[in-house]
Every structure is written in structure tokens, then in C-alpha cells.
Amino acid sequence: MSHRLLASLSAMSAILAIPSVAQPVAKTTTKPNTWTAPRTPDGHPDLQGIWTNATITPLERPAMFTGKLTVSDAEAAKFEHQNNDALYVDRRGATAESDRDHAYNSLFFDRGTELARVDGVKRSSLIIDPPDGRVPPLTAEAQKRNAARARNRFDGPEDRPLGERCLMGFGSTSGPPMLPVLYNNNYQIVQSAGTIMILVEMVHDVRLIHMDGRPHLASNIRQWLGDSIGHWEGDTLVVDTTNFTDKTRFRGSGENLHVVERFTRVDDKTILYKVTLDDPTSFTKPWTAEYPFLATAGPIYEYACHEGNYAMVDILGGARATEKQAAEAAKKK
């Protein structure tokens, strides 16, 4: 979203979740030979600033790129053109009826317009392992668990996803893993020797990464964002996160999800983010994704999503209406 829209949107910002106007200031580039990472007083690379992971690179590899992690600029341009044309459509002539299936028009989308570029080459998927670029199949245990959840999804607000309830960002934008979504893909990192804080634009979530050598919390203490413990391996920040709740449910995961993230500042405008997920009770094998976070001018504006908004009443009311219709149809048989 451009800065010139800011004035016209200011009156709406108190009641709507408005995407940030921040835009990337540079594309991902290969680390120059002469570049030296800035350092904090304790000698570690300085990751502080505002960053965005906005990209149209999908998590899983599209069929058109089967067997190809990287693509040429010409292949990327074709995909980007098709993808952007499908999303950014002119709906000025739409009627209420034709427009009702769209939650937002393209004014609200801020997911970038290009495939992510790593080491100078564009990527076809965020997932780099398994080699097919796909999330591994769920285990039989996870399939059974998720089927049981689905049966009770509309009994009450507590059964709905955390993102839908405005308690956390949707689509795992808060992480871990911190994935790009349709909008609000900005993050602010504040770094000290003992703690690293990541402010997430979406639903203003805050991640705290403890750097003081403490162990993970006791296994009976569970948190939506998990318990993140960090350390440095050379110039790479490594963050180990466990102790999730069974409410996070990322891609069908459970409370045993184990996430390891790696943040490496490769140039002045880029942090390379690599994340591995392991949950033997949910996925048949671990899997890894990799993509850049680009420096952006900021600032990060408030995302005013709040729990208990009118959408929840509509969702649950629709479920009750569906149940009533089914009961009435059953009586007629």
C-alpha cells in the first residue's frame, strides 16, 4: 500500500485492521565480499530494525515448478504476472452480491509482488526440504486428532482458530515459523544481550527469545508462541522453540511441535531466515523452509483486530442456522 493512501485511511484505522504502508527498500542480494555485519556492544551481529518477509512465493511448490527449487527470472515473471493479475483485480463495478465472497478488496493486500530471491536466484517454494517442496504427510495419529477437532469447530468461540479470534496472527505470521501472509508482514527486532524481542505487526504479537542460557520451561507449561531459547552459532542466531499448546495447530501439528529457526544477516538489507519443524506425532518427517526478511522503512502501524468482533457472531450464527436446517430436513423424511 503506498504512502499516499495514508490520509484517506486514517479515519478507518481505529476500527479496521489496516495493513502497514511499509515497503521493502531493497531486493535480496548475494552477500558482497566487502560487507561487514554491524555489531552490538556484545560483539554479535546486529539484527535490529524493521523487516518484512512479504513474498508471493508459496509455502509449497506449485505443480508448474515440479522438481525445481529455483526458477529463471523469465519463469518467475510469468508466474508473478499470472498470480498478481488474479489477486489485484478491478472490482469497482462489483455489486453487493458479486462482491460478498471477498473479505477485502486489493487495497488491503500487501503481500509483495515477486517470488523470494535467495543467493540471487528466485525460489519456487518456501520449503526447501523435502526436495519436492511439499509439507510431509500427517501421521495417522495427527489425522485422527484433527478429524476429532473438526467435528466440534463451531460449538463455541473457544473452538475457533486463534487467528480468527484476533488472539494471534493468522497463517502463522507470528510464528514460529514466521510465515508471510496476505498483509501485515512486518516485524521489528529489538536486541539485547539477554533477550531479543520480535514485535509482530499482525495482531501486535510479541515474541521474546531468551539468550541468557536458561533451560526450556517445564513440560507442563505451554504457550501459544511456545518457549523460545536462543544462542549464537558464529554469526547466526539459532532459536529453539518448544512447549506449544494444542491450540496452535500449525499445518496440523500438536503440542509436541519443535521448531528451530536460524537468522543470518547476509547484507545490510537482508536477514536470511531458515526454519526446521519436527513433530513426530504429527509429521512423517521433519521439514525445512528458507526465505529472506528485507529491511523496510516502517513504521509499523497498529493492527486493531480485537477478540469478540461481529464476525464471530456471524460464524456461530451461521452454524446454528445450518444445524436448524438439517434438523428440519430430517423431520420431513
Protein backbone atom coordinates (compact mmCIF):
# COMPACT_ATOMS: atom_id res chain seq x y z
CA MET A 1 0.00 0.00 0.00
CA SER A 2 1.53 3.38 -0.93
CA HIS A 3 2.05 6.27 1.48
CA ARG A 4 -0.39 8.46 -0.45
CA LEU A 5 -3.24 6.27 0.81
CA LEU A 6 -2.45 7.07 4.44
CA ALA A 7 -4.53 10.22 4.71
CA SER A 8 -7.65 8.64 3.27
CA LEU A 9 -7.34 5.62 5.51
CA SER A 10 -6.63 7.37 8.79
CA ALA A 11 -10.30 7.68 9.71
CA MET A 12 -10.76 3.95 9.28
CA SER A 13 -7.70 2.82 11.18
CA ALA A 14 -9.37 2.90 14.61
CA ILE A 15 -11.83 0.18 13.68
CA LEU A 16 -10.15 -1.76 10.88
CA ALA A 17 -7.03 -3.85 10.75
CA ILE A 18 -5.17 -1.68 8.22
CA PRO A 19 -2.08 -3.15 6.55
CA SER A 20 1.15 -1.27 7.01
CA VAL A 21 2.31 1.10 4.31
CA ALA A 22 5.88 -0.05 4.73
CA GLN A 23 7.56 -1.33 1.58
CA PRO A 24 10.84 -3.20 1.08
CA VAL A 25 13.72 -0.88 0.33
CA ALA A 26 15.85 -3.47 -1.42
CA LYS A 27 15.76 -6.87 -3.08
CA THR A 28 17.64 -9.81 -1.67
CA THR A 29 21.20 -9.81 -2.89
CA THR A 30 24.17 -12.08 -2.53
CA LYS A 31 26.45 -11.05 0.34
CA PRO A 32 29.10 -8.63 -1.00
CA ASN A 33 32.71 -9.57 -0.31
CA THR A 34 33.36 -6.19 1.29
CA TRP A 35 30.28 -6.11 3.50
CA THR A 36 30.74 -6.35 7.27
CA ALA A 37 27.83 -7.02 9.58
CA PRO A 38 27.13 -4.29 12.16
CA ARG A 39 27.71 -5.44 15.73
CA THR A 40 26.02 -4.88 19.05
CA PRO A 41 28.18 -3.96 22.08
CA ASP A 42 28.48 -7.66 23.00
CA GLY A 43 30.02 -8.41 19.59
CA HIS A 44 27.17 -10.27 17.90
CA PRO A 45 25.58 -9.27 14.58
CA ASP A 46 23.02 -6.51 14.97
CA LEU A 47 19.63 -7.74 13.73
CA GLN A 48 17.72 -4.71 14.94
CA GLY A 49 15.36 -2.81 12.70
CA ILE A 50 12.10 -3.27 10.85
CA TRP A 51 11.89 -6.13 8.39
CA THR A 52 9.32 -7.67 6.04
CA ASN A 53 9.02 -11.21 4.71
CA ALA A 54 6.29 -10.31 2.20
CA THR A 55 6.52 -12.51 -0.90
CA ILE A 56 4.19 -14.34 -3.26
CA THR A 57 6.41 -17.43 -3.11
CA PRO A 58 4.03 -20.12 -1.81
CA LEU A 59 4.90 -22.32 1.14
CA GLU A 60 4.54 -25.43 -1.03
CA ARG A 61 5.84 -25.76 -4.60
CA PRO A 62 3.26 -25.30 -7.37
CA ALA A 63 2.83 -28.12 -9.90
CA MET A 64 4.17 -25.90 -12.68
CA PHE A 65 7.56 -25.88 -10.91
CA THR A 66 7.71 -29.59 -10.04
CA GLY A 67 11.32 -30.64 -9.44
CA LYS A 68 12.63 -27.03 -9.48
CA LEU A 69 13.54 -25.17 -6.29
CA THR A 70 14.92 -22.24 -8.26
CA VAL A 71 13.49 -20.66 -11.39
CA SER A 72 14.77 -18.28 -14.04
CA ASP A 73 13.73 -14.64 -13.98
CA ALA A 74 11.62 -15.28 -17.09
CA GLU A 75 9.79 -18.17 -15.42
CA ALA A 76 9.34 -16.09 -12.29
CA ALA A 77 7.96 -13.13 -14.24
CA LYS A 78 5.32 -15.33 -15.88
CA PHE A 79 4.23 -16.75 -12.52
CA GLU A 80 4.23 -13.32 -10.89
CA HIS A 81 2.16 -11.80 -13.69
CA GLN A 82 -0.46 -14.53 -13.54
CA ASN A 83 -0.55 -14.54 -9.75
CA ASN A 84 -0.82 -10.79 -9.35
CA ASP A 85 -3.46 -10.42 -12.06
CA ALA A 86 -5.61 -13.00 -10.25
CA LEU A 87 -5.40 -11.10 -6.95
CA TYR A 88 -5.28 -7.44 -7.86
CA VAL A 89 -8.49 -7.22 -9.86
CA ASP A 90 -10.55 -4.11 -10.52
CA ARG A 91 -13.78 -4.59 -8.57
CA ARG A 92 -15.11 -1.05 -8.81
CA GLY A 93 -18.12 -2.24 -10.78
CA ALA A 94 -18.94 -5.13 -8.45
CA THR A 95 -22.38 -5.38 -6.90
CA ALA A 96 -23.02 -6.30 -3.27
CA GLU A 97 -23.99 -9.78 -4.38
CA SER A 98 -20.95 -10.39 -6.58
CA ASP A 99 -18.58 -8.90 -4.03
CA ARG A 100 -19.79 -10.69 -0.91
CA ASP A 101 -17.36 -13.59 -1.19
CA HIS A 102 -14.37 -11.26 -0.89
CA ALA A 103 -13.38 -10.25 2.63
CA TYR A 104 -11.22 -7.40 1.36
CA ASN A 105 -10.53 -5.73 -1.95
CA SER A 106 -6.97 -5.40 -3.22
CA LEU A 107 -6.49 -2.13 -1.29
CA PHE A 108 -5.85 -4.23 1.82
CA PHE A 109 -3.37 -6.70 0.34
CA ASP A 110 0.32 -6.12 0.97
CA ARG A 111 1.97 -9.46 0.30
CA GLY A 112 4.55 -8.31 -2.22
CA THR A 113 4.56 -8.90 -5.97
CA GLU A 114 7.59 -11.13 -6.55
CA LEU A 115 8.95 -14.55 -5.74
CA ALA A 116 11.54 -14.55 -2.96
CA ARG A 117 15.15 -14.27 -4.10
CA VAL A 118 17.91 -16.13 -2.26
CA ASP A 119 21.57 -16.03 -3.37
CA GLY A 120 20.49 -14.01 -6.38
CA VAL A 121 18.03 -16.63 -7.66
CA LYS A 122 14.25 -16.75 -7.27
CA ARG A 123 12.65 -19.60 -5.36
CA SER A 124 9.56 -21.58 -6.36
CA SER A 125 8.61 -22.51 -2.79
CA LEU A 126 9.49 -21.54 0.74
CA ILE A 127 10.01 -25.22 1.57
CA ILE A 128 13.46 -26.43 0.55
CA ASP A 129 13.35 -29.85 2.23
CA PRO A 130 11.84 -32.33 1.42
CA PRO A 131 13.18 -31.80 -2.11
CA ASP A 132 9.66 -31.87 -3.59
CA GLY A 133 8.86 -28.65 -1.74
CA ARG A 134 5.79 -30.09 -0.01
CA VAL A 135 4.77 -30.45 3.64
CA PRO A 136 5.28 -34.13 4.59
CA PRO A 137 2.12 -36.20 5.10
CA LEU A 138 0.48 -36.20 8.51
CA THR A 139 0.81 -39.26 10.71
CA ALA A 140 -2.22 -41.44 11.38
CA GLU A 141 -2.31 -40.03 14.91
CA ALA A 142 -2.46 -36.45 13.62
CA GLN A 143 -5.15 -37.26 11.07
CA LYS A 144 -7.31 -38.80 13.80
CA ARG A 145 -6.69 -35.86 16.15
CA ASN A 146 -7.52 -33.27 13.51
CA ALA A 147 -10.67 -35.10 12.44
CA ALA A 148 -11.89 -35.02 16.05
CA ARG A 149 -11.22 -31.27 16.23
CA ALA A 150 -13.12 -30.62 13.02
CA ARG A 151 -16.29 -32.21 14.39
CA ASN A 152 -16.55 -29.57 17.12
CA ARG A 153 -15.25 -26.49 15.28
CA PHE A 154 -18.45 -24.48 15.62
CA ASP A 155 -19.64 -25.33 19.14
CA GLY A 156 -18.37 -22.06 20.61
CA PRO A 157 -15.82 -19.26 20.11
CA GLU A 158 -13.17 -21.19 22.03
CA ASP A 159 -13.22 -23.84 19.27
CA ARG A 160 -12.36 -21.38 16.51
CA PRO A 161 -8.74 -20.72 15.44
CA LEU A 162 -6.73 -18.24 17.48
CA GLY A 163 -6.17 -16.02 14.44
CA GLU A 164 -9.87 -15.85 13.71
CA ARG A 165 -10.45 -14.72 17.29
CA CYS A 166 -7.80 -11.97 16.96
CA LEU A 167 -5.71 -13.60 19.68
CA MET A 168 -2.77 -14.32 17.37
CA GLY A 169 -1.87 -13.52 13.81
CA PHE A 170 -3.40 -15.90 11.28
CA GLY A 171 -1.38 -18.13 8.98
CA SER A 172 1.49 -18.45 11.49
CA THR A 173 2.64 -14.90 10.77
CA SER A 174 3.58 -14.67 14.46
CA GLY A 175 5.40 -17.96 14.33
CA PRO A 176 7.30 -19.83 14.83
CA PRO A 177 7.63 -20.35 11.92
CA MET A 178 7.03 -16.72 10.92
CA LEU A 179 5.33 -17.09 7.54
CA PRO A 180 4.29 -14.38 5.06
CA VAL A 181 0.55 -13.90 4.63
CA LEU A 182 -1.76 -11.57 2.66
CA TYR A 183 -0.80 -8.42 4.58
CA ASN A 184 0.88 -7.08 7.73
CA ASN A 185 4.14 -8.91 7.12
CA ASN A 186 6.34 -6.52 9.09
CA TYR A 187 8.45 -7.24 12.17
CA GLN A 188 10.54 -5.09 14.48
CA ILE A 189 13.54 -6.67 16.19
CA VAL A 190 14.96 -5.18 19.38
CA GLN A 191 18.11 -6.88 20.65
CA SER A 192 19.98 -7.04 23.94
CA ALA A 193 22.48 -9.46 25.36
CA GLY A 194 19.88 -11.26 27.49
CA THR A 195 16.71 -11.03 25.38
CA ILE A 196 15.71 -10.49 21.77
CA MET A 197 12.21 -9.13 21.16
CA ILE A 198 10.31 -9.51 17.89
CA LEU A 199 7.24 -7.31 17.55
CA VAL A 200 4.88 -8.83 15.00
CA GLU A 201 2.71 -6.37 13.09
CA MET A 202 -0.25 -8.76 12.80
CA VAL A 203 -2.33 -8.59 16.00
CA HIS A 204 0.69 -6.88 17.64
CA ASP A 205 2.04 -10.19 18.95
CA VAL A 206 5.38 -10.08 20.80
CA ARG A 207 7.93 -12.88 20.77
CA LEU A 208 10.58 -12.99 23.47
CA ILE A 209 13.72 -15.02 22.77
CA HIS A 210 15.73 -15.68 25.92
CA MET A 211 19.50 -15.51 25.39
CA ASP A 212 20.70 -16.00 28.97
CA GLY A 213 21.29 -19.75 28.83
CA ARG A 214 18.16 -20.75 30.74
CA PRO A 215 16.58 -24.16 30.02
CA HIS A 216 13.17 -24.60 28.46
CA LEU A 217 10.15 -24.32 30.72
CA ALA A 218 8.81 -27.40 32.47
CA SER A 219 6.85 -29.60 30.08
CA ASN A 220 3.54 -28.78 31.76
CA ILE A 221 3.89 -25.03 31.00
CA ARG A 222 2.54 -24.39 27.49
CA GLN A 223 2.36 -21.16 25.49
CA TRP A 224 0.73 -20.16 22.18
CA LEU A 225 4.04 -18.97 20.76
CA GLY A 226 5.99 -21.68 22.52
CA ASP A 227 9.08 -21.17 24.69
CA SER A 228 11.92 -19.71 22.61
CA ILE A 229 15.54 -20.13 23.77
CA GLY A 230 18.28 -18.61 21.62
CA HIS A 231 22.03 -18.85 21.22
CA TRP A 232 24.66 -17.79 18.69
CA GLU A 233 26.43 -20.16 16.34
CA GLY A 234 29.05 -17.89 14.85
CA ASP A 235 27.13 -15.04 13.25
CA THR A 236 23.83 -16.94 13.11
CA LEU A 237 21.12 -16.57 15.75
CA VAL A 238 19.66 -20.01 16.46
CA VAL A 239 16.28 -20.13 18.22
CA ASP A 240 14.94 -23.38 19.66
CA THR A 241 11.21 -23.35 20.46
CA THR A 242 9.17 -25.99 22.29
CA ASN A 243 6.28 -26.06 24.81
CA PHE A 244 3.50 -25.20 22.36
CA THR A 245 -0.15 -25.68 23.26
CA ASP A 246 -2.54 -27.88 21.29
CA LYS A 247 -4.27 -24.68 20.11
CA THR A 248 -1.51 -23.56 17.75
CA ARG A 249 -2.13 -26.46 15.33
CA PHE A 250 0.23 -25.26 12.62
CA ARG A 251 -0.42 -27.35 9.49
CA GLY A 252 -1.99 -29.99 11.73
CA SER A 253 0.78 -30.03 14.35
CA GLY A 254 0.25 -30.74 18.04
CA GLU A 255 1.77 -29.60 21.30
CA ASN A 256 4.94 -31.62 20.63
CA LEU A 257 5.97 -29.34 17.76
CA HIS A 258 9.68 -28.47 17.88
CA VAL A 259 10.87 -25.51 15.80
CA VAL A 260 14.48 -24.45 15.16
CA GLU A 261 14.98 -21.06 13.45
CA ARG A 262 18.19 -19.57 12.07
CA PHE A 263 18.57 -15.83 11.47
CA THR A 264 21.65 -14.81 9.47
CA ARG A 265 22.22 -11.23 8.36
CA VAL A 266 23.73 -11.63 4.89
CA ASP A 267 23.89 -7.98 3.88
CA ASP A 268 22.79 -4.54 5.02
CA LYS A 269 19.22 -5.05 3.82
CA THR A 270 18.65 -8.79 4.27
CA ILE A 271 18.25 -11.41 7.00
CA LEU A 272 18.14 -14.96 5.67
CA TYR A 273 15.59 -16.93 7.69
CA LYS A 274 15.73 -20.73 7.81
CA VAL A 275 13.34 -22.82 9.88
CA THR A 276 13.01 -26.55 10.55
CA LEU A 277 9.89 -28.14 12.02
CA ASP A 278 9.81 -31.51 13.71
CA ASP A 279 6.82 -33.18 15.34
CA PRO A 280 6.95 -36.99 15.14
CA THR A 281 3.38 -37.19 16.43
CA SER A 282 2.14 -35.05 13.52
CA PHE A 283 4.51 -35.15 10.53
CA THR A 284 6.04 -38.27 8.99
CA LYS A 285 9.40 -36.48 8.84
CA PRO A 286 10.92 -33.06 9.63
CA TRP A 287 10.76 -30.29 7.03
CA THR A 288 12.57 -27.02 6.36
CA ALA A 289 11.73 -23.66 4.78
CA GLU A 290 14.02 -20.75 3.87
CA TYR A 291 13.35 -17.19 2.70
CA PRO A 292 14.57 -13.61 3.21
CA PHE A 293 13.45 -10.85 5.53
CA LEU A 294 14.08 -7.48 3.83
CA ALA A 295 14.76 -4.17 5.53
CA THR A 296 11.80 -1.80 5.30
CA ALA A 297 11.38 1.84 6.20
CA GLY A 298 8.49 1.47 8.65
CA PRO A 299 7.00 2.50 10.93
CA ILE A 300 4.73 -0.33 11.99
CA TYR A 301 1.17 0.87 12.50
CA GLU A 302 -1.31 -0.59 14.95
CA TYR A 303 -3.29 -3.60 13.80
CA ALA A 304 -6.58 -3.08 15.66
CA CYS A 305 -8.04 -6.58 15.47
CA HIS A 306 -9.81 -7.48 18.70
CA GLU A 307 -11.46 -10.55 20.20
CA GLY A 308 -15.25 -10.69 20.11
CA ASN A 309 -15.79 -8.73 16.90
CA TYR A 310 -19.04 -9.18 14.98
CA ALA A 311 -17.60 -11.80 12.62
CA MET A 312 -17.65 -14.37 15.43
CA VAL A 313 -21.38 -13.83 15.97
CA ASP A 314 -21.96 -14.34 12.25
CA ILE A 315 -19.81 -17.51 12.13
CA LEU A 316 -21.52 -19.19 15.05
CA GLY A 317 -24.95 -17.90 14.00
CA GLY A 318 -24.43 -19.44 10.58
CA ALA A 319 -23.56 -22.75 12.21
CA ARG A 320 -26.75 -22.69 14.27
CA ALA A 321 -28.80 -21.89 11.15
CA THR A 322 -27.20 -24.80 9.29
CA GLU A 323 -27.97 -27.13 12.18
CA LYS A 324 -31.59 -25.94 12.25
CA GLN A 325 -31.99 -26.55 8.53
CA ALA A 326 -30.54 -30.05 8.87
CA ALA A 327 -32.89 -30.85 11.76
CA GLU A 328 -35.92 -29.61 9.83
CA ALA A 329 -34.91 -31.61 6.76
CA ALA A 330 -34.54 -34.73 8.92
CA LYS A 331 -38.07 -34.32 10.27
CA LYS A 332 -39.51 -34.26 6.75
CA LYS A 333 -38.01 -37.62 5.86
